[in-house]
Amino acid sequence: FKTAMAHKLTTFLMFTGRAEEAMRFYVSLFPNSEIKQLEPWKAGEPGGGKEGTVKRGLINVAGTDLMCFDSPPVHAFTFTPS
């Protein structure tokens, strides 16, 4: 007999340079929302992110966690198309 383990899925939003702006906008719209983590890319850091853009971000919007980041590679889109 196996015991079921609780799992949590977190929506992941990918941007190309405007993640912090979006994070601040989303938390301003909904009561009881907050930026829980905001880690910027540093100059010359492995991974190639542009200095000052979001390497790792986590917001809670009305009780729902959302991960956010600015993608270093250039894509044919500016926001996660999915």
Foldseek 3Di string as FASTA:
>chain_A
DDDDDDDDDAAEKEFAACFVVVQVVQQVVAPPKDWPDFDFDPPPDPQQDDGPFGPWTWMAHPNGIHIYGHHRDDDPDGIPPD
